[in-house]
Amino acid sequence: MTSTTAHSRRDDALETDDEFRARLRAFLTGHHPGRRPKDPAERLAWRKAWLATLFDAGYAGPSWPREYGGMELSFARQVIYQEEYAKARVPGPLGTGLGIAAPTLITYGTAEQKERFLRPMLRGDTVWAQGYSEPEAGSDLPALRTTARREGDEYVVNGQKVWNSAADLADIIFTLVRTATRESRQQGITYLLVDAHAPGVTVRPLRDLTGDAHFCEIFFNDVRVPVSHRIGEENGGWPLVRTSLGHERAAGTMNQAAMYRRVLDELIELAHERGTTADPLVRDRLADLEVRVRIMRYTGMRTISDILAKGEPGPASSTSRLFTVTFEQDLHEFAVDMLGSYGVLGRQDPHAVQRGRWVWGFLRTRASTIGAGTAEIQRNTIAEQLLGLPRDPAVPDVVRPR
């Protein structure tokens, strides 16, 4: 263990929160990896090198247990970590494993699985991607059709997944498969870890409104998966789904609260530069966004507190998820409106303001109210599980974190 690692993992009682913030800020500033490369292969290597730097110095996994390479920070320190990380503008996590698969693996995985998978995931040596949604099983996840047939010590997997972030970079796909009849719904779902490079796995990028490919579709054709790569029991994957999605929404809230604090500050600065703050309607919109970004931060803090106290974020994660996605859509809509005719200029136009970042964000966030559970699904969860309203019989038994 290096001296930096030892210092970063010392007992919380040995330094104040302000000292921890200063130490973290100094590390992020002193080890900043520099500008993001344009070449995709170079960019991937750049991000992996940064994650390895964090891990090796003891600054990775603020909420992870120390036994798996994390920092195991207190509630207050996790908030500080997210704030400073967003301000530093350093690369974020690769794939979707850290915030979704890791909590599930830590809770339900065997000792051998934790030893094999967790540290390489946190260090960025392996990239993980989620394989949940299907063309005919998105919000109604229990309707999934991808099958896994047991043959001795292996499962043979066939089917298709879609809207998979970072699947084109992934080494491991954590996915849901049907190991019983379709009529069994959630009682027949199993959680598997699939080698993304195994024979029979095909990944195809999907281009979106921004012109980029943030999502992929995945095809499984007689893919063989060892039974040892099953998390939990066969046909017992549904409780793991609730853990995964609850943590996905919880982690996203705090991360995005820190990021959008910086983004809103930059938007306010842009409004001053363009002289639009003289307009009382612009000031009113900015004030509304300021109030909401603060609420987002406090909601994220409350969610982290719930996880630390109860081990799970619970149905309140749907509230934070819904609040965050509507906020980011409204923020970018306002930014495009404020820029007027310049708001329609994309990144390739030489006259675009700030290289077209705001119109790119506007286009990207059109999907915000669809991913990780649609806004309609979140409202149903909030209505039924938080407000105690009757369940809508017309709605299928969809993913509801408990």
Protein backbone atom coordinates (compact mmCIF):
# COMPACT_ATOMS: atom_id res chain seq x y z
CA MET A 1 0.00 0.00 0.00
CA THR A 2 1.40 3.40 -0.97
CA SER A 3 1.66 6.24 1.54
CA THR A 4 -1.07 8.07 -0.37
CA THR A 5 -3.36 5.06 -0.04
CA ALA A 6 -2.65 4.69 3.64
CA HIS A 7 -3.30 8.37 4.20
CA SER A 8 -6.57 8.32 2.27
CA ARG A 9 -7.86 5.35 4.28
CA ARG A 10 -7.09 6.51 7.74
CA ASP A 11 -9.84 6.69 10.33
CA ASP A 12 -12.39 9.47 9.73
CA ALA A 13 -11.84 10.67 13.28
CA LEU A 14 -8.29 11.74 12.44
CA GLU A 15 -9.34 14.58 10.16
CA THR A 16 -12.23 17.03 9.89
CA ASP A 17 -14.62 17.17 6.97
CA ASP A 18 -12.87 20.33 5.77
CA GLU A 19 -9.50 18.58 5.89
CA PHE A 20 -10.93 15.63 3.96
CA ARG A 21 -12.37 17.98 1.33
CA ALA A 22 -9.04 19.78 0.97
CA ARG A 23 -7.11 16.51 0.69
CA LEU A 24 -9.51 15.11 -1.91
CA ARG A 25 -9.47 18.35 -3.90
CA ALA A 26 -5.67 18.40 -3.86
CA PHE A 27 -5.53 14.83 -5.14
CA LEU A 28 -8.05 15.42 -7.94
CA THR A 29 -6.23 18.59 -8.99
CA GLY A 30 -2.75 17.16 -8.74
CA HIS A 31 -3.59 13.95 -10.64
CA HIS A 32 -6.01 15.38 -13.22
CA PRO A 33 -5.64 13.26 -16.39
CA GLY A 34 -5.81 16.22 -18.78
CA ARG A 35 -7.99 16.80 -21.82
CA ARG A 36 -10.23 14.06 -23.09
CA PRO A 37 -8.77 12.40 -26.22
CA LYS A 38 -10.86 12.52 -29.40
CA ASP A 39 -9.92 9.04 -30.62
CA PRO A 40 -12.33 6.48 -29.08
CA ALA A 41 -9.62 3.90 -28.32
CA GLU A 42 -7.37 6.53 -26.74
CA ARG A 43 -10.33 7.89 -24.77
CA LEU A 44 -11.14 4.45 -23.36
CA ALA A 45 -7.51 3.92 -22.29
CA TRP A 46 -7.46 7.43 -20.77
CA ARG A 47 -10.55 6.70 -18.67
CA LYS A 48 -9.28 3.30 -17.56
CA ALA A 49 -5.95 4.83 -16.54
CA TRP A 50 -7.77 7.42 -14.44
CA LEU A 51 -9.91 4.80 -12.67
CA ALA A 52 -6.77 2.80 -11.94
CA THR A 53 -5.12 5.93 -10.51
CA LEU A 54 -8.10 6.50 -8.21
CA PHE A 55 -8.16 2.89 -7.04
CA ASP A 56 -4.42 2.55 -6.49
CA ALA A 57 -4.35 5.74 -4.41
CA GLY A 58 -7.36 4.72 -2.31
CA TYR A 59 -9.81 7.27 -3.74
CA ALA A 60 -12.24 4.92 -5.51
CA GLY A 61 -15.64 3.67 -4.37
CA PRO A 62 -16.72 6.23 -1.77
CA SER A 63 -19.60 4.02 -0.58
CA TRP A 64 -17.93 0.64 -1.15
CA PRO A 65 -16.72 -1.51 1.76
CA ARG A 66 -12.98 -1.29 2.29
CA GLU A 67 -12.58 -5.03 1.98
CA TYR A 68 -13.42 -4.68 -1.73
CA GLY A 69 -11.16 -1.70 -2.35
CA GLY A 70 -13.61 1.08 -1.50
CA MET A 71 -13.37 4.03 0.89
CA GLU A 72 -16.41 3.17 3.07
CA LEU A 73 -17.03 6.84 3.73
CA SER A 74 -19.54 8.24 6.18
CA PHE A 75 -22.68 9.94 4.89
CA ALA A 76 -21.13 13.42 5.10
CA ARG A 77 -17.94 12.34 3.35
CA GLN A 78 -19.87 10.73 0.48
CA VAL A 79 -21.62 14.03 -0.15
CA ILE A 80 -18.30 15.88 -0.07
CA TYR A 81 -16.77 13.32 -2.43
CA GLN A 82 -19.52 13.74 -5.02
CA GLU A 83 -19.33 17.53 -4.83
CA GLU A 84 -15.57 17.69 -5.29
CA TYR A 85 -15.54 15.03 -7.98
CA ALA A 86 -18.06 16.98 -10.05
CA LYS A 87 -16.15 20.23 -9.62
CA ALA A 88 -12.87 18.62 -10.69
CA ARG A 89 -14.28 17.62 -14.12
CA VAL A 90 -12.44 14.31 -14.16
CA PRO A 91 -13.69 11.16 -15.97
CA GLY A 92 -16.65 9.37 -14.44
CA PRO A 93 -17.21 5.62 -14.07
CA LEU A 94 -17.03 3.30 -17.07
CA GLY A 95 -20.16 1.31 -17.78
CA THR A 96 -23.03 0.82 -15.37
CA GLY A 97 -21.58 -1.76 -13.01
CA LEU A 98 -20.39 0.43 -10.15
CA GLY A 99 -23.76 1.91 -9.26
CA ILE A 100 -26.02 -1.01 -10.20
CA ALA A 101 -24.33 -4.41 -10.30
CA ALA A 102 -21.88 -3.81 -7.46
CA PRO A 103 -24.50 -3.26 -4.68
CA THR A 104 -26.31 -6.38 -5.91
CA LEU A 105 -23.11 -8.44 -5.96
CA ILE A 106 -22.07 -7.20 -2.52
CA THR A 107 -25.50 -8.14 -1.10
CA TYR A 108 -26.20 -11.42 -2.90
CA GLY A 109 -22.91 -12.67 -4.35
CA THR A 110 -20.86 -15.55 -2.97
CA ALA A 111 -17.47 -14.92 -1.38
CA GLU A 112 -15.78 -16.28 -4.52
CA GLN A 113 -17.85 -14.00 -6.79
CA LYS A 114 -17.05 -10.93 -4.73
CA GLU A 115 -13.34 -11.75 -4.73
CA ARG A 116 -13.31 -12.36 -8.47
CA PHE A 117 -15.42 -9.49 -9.76
CA LEU A 118 -15.52 -6.50 -7.42
CA ARG A 119 -11.98 -5.14 -7.34
CA PRO A 120 -11.42 -5.36 -11.14
CA MET A 121 -14.75 -3.57 -11.63
CA LEU A 122 -13.85 -0.74 -9.25
CA ARG A 123 -10.36 -0.31 -10.73
CA GLY A 124 -11.73 -0.13 -14.28
CA ASP A 125 -9.96 -3.29 -15.39
CA THR A 126 -13.32 -4.72 -16.42
CA VAL A 127 -16.27 -2.75 -17.79
CA TRP A 128 -19.80 -3.85 -16.96
CA ALA A 129 -23.04 -3.17 -18.85
CA GLN A 130 -26.65 -3.83 -17.92
CA GLY A 131 -28.82 -6.20 -19.96
CA TYR A 132 -32.36 -5.76 -18.68
CA SER A 133 -34.72 -4.17 -21.21
CA GLU A 134 -35.93 -6.02 -24.29
CA PRO A 135 -37.85 -4.91 -27.40
CA GLU A 136 -41.11 -6.21 -25.86
CA ALA A 137 -40.14 -6.00 -22.20
CA GLY A 138 -39.04 -2.54 -21.18
CA SER A 139 -41.25 -1.04 -18.51
CA ASP A 140 -42.99 -4.41 -18.19
CA LEU A 141 -39.73 -6.13 -17.30
CA PRO A 142 -41.33 -9.38 -16.03
CA ALA A 143 -42.39 -10.01 -19.65
CA LEU A 144 -38.78 -10.59 -20.76
CA ARG A 145 -38.23 -13.42 -23.25
CA THR A 146 -34.47 -14.04 -23.23
CA THR A 147 -34.10 -17.65 -22.13
CA ALA A 148 -31.42 -19.63 -20.30
CA ARG A 149 -31.56 -23.43 -20.54
CA ARG A 150 -29.56 -25.40 -17.96
CA GLU A 151 -27.13 -27.96 -19.40
CA GLY A 152 -24.98 -29.44 -16.66
CA ASP A 153 -22.75 -26.73 -15.21
CA GLU A 154 -23.74 -24.17 -17.84
CA TYR A 155 -26.69 -22.15 -19.04
CA VAL A 156 -27.34 -21.72 -22.76
CA VAL A 157 -28.68 -18.21 -23.34
CA ASN A 158 -30.73 -17.03 -26.33
CA GLY A 159 -32.51 -13.71 -26.85
CA GLN A 160 -32.12 -9.99 -27.35
CA LYS A 161 -31.58 -6.95 -25.11
CA VAL A 162 -31.85 -3.27 -26.07
CA TRP A 163 -31.03 0.24 -24.78
CA ASN A 164 -27.85 -0.99 -23.15
CA SER A 165 -25.43 1.76 -22.09
CA ALA A 166 -21.72 1.05 -22.73
CA ALA A 167 -22.38 -2.48 -24.01
CA ASP A 168 -19.94 -1.80 -26.86
CA LEU A 169 -17.19 -1.31 -24.24
CA ALA A 170 -18.27 -4.05 -21.86
CA ASP A 171 -16.36 -7.08 -20.69
CA ILE A 172 -19.26 -8.38 -18.58
CA ILE A 173 -23.01 -8.03 -19.14
CA PHE A 174 -25.15 -8.44 -16.03
CA THR A 175 -28.44 -9.60 -17.38
CA LEU A 176 -31.84 -11.08 -16.60
CA VAL A 177 -32.96 -14.30 -18.26
CA ARG A 178 -36.00 -16.52 -18.12
CA THR A 179 -35.32 -19.92 -16.60
CA ALA A 180 -38.98 -20.91 -16.24
CA THR A 181 -42.11 -20.46 -18.34
CA ARG A 182 -43.16 -17.03 -19.66
CA GLU A 183 -46.31 -17.34 -17.54
CA SER A 184 -44.16 -17.44 -14.40
CA ARG A 185 -43.39 -13.74 -14.87
CA GLN A 186 -41.03 -12.48 -12.11
CA GLN A 187 -40.99 -15.88 -10.38
CA GLY A 188 -39.04 -17.35 -13.31
CA ILE A 189 -36.25 -14.78 -13.69
CA THR A 190 -32.56 -15.47 -13.04
CA TYR A 191 -29.64 -13.03 -12.74
CA LEU A 192 -26.55 -13.99 -14.81
CA LEU A 193 -23.14 -12.50 -15.53
CA VAL A 194 -22.29 -13.03 -19.20
CA ASP A 195 -18.83 -12.71 -20.75
CA ALA A 196 -19.37 -10.00 -23.37
CA HIS A 197 -16.62 -11.53 -25.52
CA ALA A 198 -18.02 -15.06 -25.45
CA PRO A 199 -18.99 -16.81 -28.72
CA GLY A 200 -22.57 -15.97 -29.66
CA VAL A 201 -22.64 -12.47 -28.12
CA THR A 202 -23.24 -9.69 -30.68
CA VAL A 203 -23.37 -6.00 -29.74
CA ARG A 204 -24.65 -3.33 -32.14
CA PRO A 205 -24.54 0.41 -31.32
CA LEU A 206 -27.76 2.44 -31.69
CA ARG A 207 -27.47 6.05 -32.88
CA ASP A 208 -29.68 8.59 -31.10
CA LEU A 209 -30.90 12.17 -31.64
CA THR A 210 -27.51 13.65 -30.78
CA GLY A 211 -25.85 11.72 -33.60
CA ASP A 212 -23.87 9.66 -31.10
CA ALA A 213 -24.30 6.04 -30.06
CA HIS A 214 -24.88 5.99 -26.30
CA PHE A 215 -26.88 2.78 -26.36
CA CYS A 216 -26.60 -0.65 -27.92
CA GLU A 217 -28.63 -3.75 -28.62
CA ILE A 218 -27.30 -7.15 -27.61
CA PHE A 219 -28.00 -10.51 -29.21
CA PHE A 220 -27.37 -13.84 -27.47
CA ASN A 221 -27.14 -16.88 -29.74
CA ASP A 222 -26.47 -20.12 -27.81
CA VAL A 223 -24.16 -18.30 -25.41
CA ARG A 224 -22.75 -20.58 -22.74
CA VAL A 225 -22.60 -19.14 -19.22
CA PRO A 226 -21.16 -21.06 -16.24
CA VAL A 227 -23.62 -21.68 -13.43
CA SER A 228 -20.98 -20.14 -11.16
CA HIS A 229 -21.78 -16.81 -12.86
CA ARG A 230 -25.35 -16.86 -11.53
CA ILE A 231 -26.02 -14.37 -8.74
CA GLY A 232 -28.53 -15.71 -6.24
CA GLU A 233 -30.76 -18.69 -6.84
CA GLU A 234 -32.24 -19.92 -10.11
CA ASN A 235 -35.64 -18.26 -10.61
CA GLY A 236 -34.78 -15.96 -7.70
CA GLY A 237 -33.52 -12.96 -9.64
CA TRP A 238 -36.45 -10.61 -9.08
CA PRO A 239 -35.39 -9.38 -5.59
CA LEU A 240 -31.98 -8.64 -7.11
CA VAL A 241 -33.65 -6.50 -9.78
CA ARG A 242 -35.23 -4.33 -7.13
CA THR A 243 -31.86 -3.88 -5.44
CA SER A 244 -30.18 -3.01 -8.74
CA LEU A 245 -32.72 -0.46 -9.90
CA GLY A 246 -33.09 1.13 -6.48
CA HIS A 247 -29.34 1.71 -6.24
CA GLU A 248 -29.17 2.90 -9.86
CA ARG A 249 -31.67 5.67 -9.12
CA ALA A 250 -30.08 6.51 -5.77
CA ALA A 251 -26.54 6.75 -7.14
CA GLY A 252 -27.74 8.77 -10.10
CA THR A 253 -29.42 11.34 -7.88
CA MET A 254 -26.33 12.30 -5.89
CA ASN A 255 -24.01 12.19 -8.88
CA GLN A 256 -26.32 14.31 -11.00
CA ALA A 257 -27.00 16.74 -8.17
CA ALA A 258 -23.27 17.48 -7.95
CA MET A 259 -22.88 17.66 -11.71
CA TYR A 260 -25.89 19.90 -12.28
CA ARG A 261 -24.75 22.27 -9.54
CA ARG A 262 -21.76 22.98 -11.79
CA VAL A 263 -23.82 22.98 -15.01
CA LEU A 264 -26.34 25.47 -13.63
CA ASP A 265 -23.52 27.76 -12.47
CA GLU A 266 -22.15 27.68 -16.01
CA LEU A 267 -25.59 28.45 -17.45
CA ILE A 268 -26.01 31.42 -15.09
CA GLU A 269 -22.59 32.68 -16.16
CA LEU A 270 -23.62 32.32 -19.83
CA ALA A 271 -26.82 34.28 -19.14
CA HIS A 272 -24.74 37.12 -17.66
CA GLU A 273 -22.36 37.09 -20.62
CA ARG A 274 -25.22 37.35 -23.12
CA GLY A 275 -27.01 40.05 -21.13
CA THR A 276 -30.21 38.07 -20.74
CA THR A 277 -30.41 38.44 -16.94
CA ALA A 278 -31.97 41.88 -17.46
CA ASP A 279 -35.12 40.02 -18.51
CA PRO A 280 -37.26 39.31 -15.41
CA LEU A 281 -38.62 36.13 -17.03
CA VAL A 282 -35.06 34.80 -17.44
CA ARG A 283 -34.26 35.64 -13.82
CA ASP A 284 -37.43 33.88 -12.71
CA ARG A 285 -36.52 30.72 -14.66
CA LEU A 286 -32.97 30.75 -13.28
CA ALA A 287 -34.27 31.16 -9.74
CA ASP A 288 -36.60 28.19 -10.24
CA LEU A 289 -33.70 26.06 -11.48
CA GLU A 290 -31.56 27.20 -8.53
CA VAL A 291 -34.23 26.09 -6.06
CA ARG A 292 -34.61 22.75 -7.80
CA VAL A 293 -30.90 21.94 -7.97
CA ARG A 294 -30.67 22.54 -4.22
CA ILE A 295 -33.66 20.26 -3.64
CA MET A 296 -31.95 17.64 -5.80
CA ARG A 297 -28.87 17.79 -3.58
CA TYR A 298 -30.89 17.45 -0.37
CA THR A 299 -32.90 14.59 -1.87
CA GLY A 300 -29.69 12.79 -2.79
CA MET A 301 -28.39 13.27 0.74
CA ARG A 302 -31.60 11.83 2.16
CA THR A 303 -31.37 8.83 -0.17
CA ILE A 304 -27.79 8.08 0.86
CA SER A 305 -28.87 8.38 4.50
CA ASP A 306 -31.66 5.85 3.90
CA ILE A 307 -29.24 3.41 2.28
CA LEU A 308 -26.82 3.70 5.19
CA ALA A 309 -29.64 3.22 7.71
CA LYS A 310 -31.68 0.52 5.97
CA GLY A 311 -29.39 -0.96 3.33
CA GLU A 312 -31.84 -0.04 0.54
CA PRO A 313 -33.08 3.25 -0.96
CA GLY A 314 -36.68 2.01 -1.05
CA PRO A 315 -39.51 3.41 -3.19
CA ALA A 316 -38.38 6.99 -2.46
CA SER A 317 -35.71 6.43 -5.13
CA SER A 318 -38.53 6.78 -7.68
CA THR A 319 -39.25 10.29 -6.34
CA SER A 320 -35.65 11.38 -6.74
CA ARG A 321 -35.38 9.77 -10.17
CA LEU A 322 -38.50 11.54 -11.44
CA PHE A 323 -37.40 14.88 -9.99
CA THR A 324 -33.94 14.64 -11.54
CA VAL A 325 -34.99 13.71 -15.07
CA THR A 326 -37.64 16.40 -15.32
CA PHE A 327 -35.13 18.94 -13.98
CA GLU A 328 -32.47 18.15 -16.55
CA GLN A 329 -35.01 18.33 -19.37
CA ASP A 330 -36.31 21.69 -18.14
CA LEU A 331 -32.79 23.07 -17.71
CA HIS A 332 -31.78 22.30 -21.28
CA GLU A 333 -35.09 23.50 -22.69
CA PHE A 334 -34.54 26.84 -20.95
CA ALA A 335 -30.93 27.04 -22.18
CA VAL A 336 -32.00 26.51 -25.79
CA ASP A 337 -34.81 29.08 -25.42
CA MET A 338 -32.43 31.63 -23.89
CA LEU A 339 -30.00 31.30 -26.82
CA GLY A 340 -32.73 32.09 -29.34
CA SER A 341 -31.74 31.27 -32.92
CA TYR A 342 -28.30 30.16 -31.73
CA GLY A 343 -30.02 27.45 -29.73
CA VAL A 344 -30.63 25.36 -32.85
CA LEU A 345 -26.98 25.25 -33.94
CA GLY A 346 -25.29 21.90 -33.42
CA ARG A 347 -21.75 21.03 -32.45
CA GLN A 348 -20.42 21.12 -36.01
CA ASP A 349 -21.62 24.66 -36.72
CA PRO A 350 -18.83 27.28 -36.30
CA HIS A 351 -21.36 29.79 -34.91
CA ALA A 352 -22.67 27.44 -32.21
CA VAL A 353 -22.50 28.79 -28.65
CA GLN A 354 -20.07 26.83 -26.49
CA ARG A 355 -19.67 24.24 -29.25
CA GLY A 356 -23.37 23.44 -29.24
CA ARG A 357 -23.31 21.86 -25.78
CA TRP A 358 -26.76 23.11 -24.83
CA VAL A 359 -28.62 21.87 -27.90
CA TRP A 360 -26.72 18.57 -27.57
CA GLY A 361 -27.90 18.34 -23.97
CA PHE A 362 -31.44 19.20 -25.05
CA LEU A 363 -31.45 16.32 -27.53
CA ARG A 364 -29.77 13.88 -25.16
CA THR A 365 -32.20 14.49 -22.30
CA ARG A 366 -35.24 13.70 -24.44
CA ALA A 367 -34.59 10.12 -23.35
CA SER A 368 -34.20 10.96 -19.66
CA THR A 369 -37.84 10.26 -18.86
CA ILE A 370 -37.60 6.82 -20.50
CA GLY A 371 -34.39 5.27 -19.17
CA ALA A 372 -34.17 3.41 -15.83
CA GLY A 373 -37.95 3.24 -15.66
CA THR A 374 -40.21 5.68 -17.49
CA ALA A 375 -41.59 8.77 -15.79
CA GLU A 376 -45.03 7.16 -15.93
CA ILE A 377 -43.75 4.08 -14.10
CA GLN A 378 -42.08 6.26 -11.45
CA ARG A 379 -45.37 8.12 -10.88
CA ASN A 380 -47.20 4.82 -10.43
CA THR A 381 -44.63 3.66 -7.87
CA ILE A 382 -44.86 6.96 -6.00
CA ALA A 383 -48.66 6.88 -6.03
CA GLU A 384 -48.96 3.29 -4.83
CA GLN A 385 -46.04 2.80 -2.47
CA LEU A 386 -45.50 6.27 -1.03
CA LEU A 387 -48.94 7.87 -1.19
CA GLY A 388 -50.91 4.67 -0.61
CA LEU A 389 -53.20 5.13 -3.60
CA PRO A 390 -54.96 2.10 -5.14
CA ARG A 391 -53.05 0.17 -7.77
CA ASP A 392 -54.11 0.83 -11.35
CA PRO A 393 -55.40 -2.56 -12.59
CA ALA A 394 -54.67 -1.56 -16.21
CA VAL A 395 -50.94 -1.31 -15.51
CA PRO A 396 -48.82 -4.51 -15.63
CA ASP A 397 -46.87 -5.59 -12.59
CA VAL A 398 -43.79 -3.57 -13.53
CA VAL A 399 -40.51 -2.95 -11.75
CA ARG A 400 -41.33 -1.42 -8.38
CA PRO A 401 -38.47 -1.01 -5.90
CA ARG A 402 -39.60 -2.02 -2.42
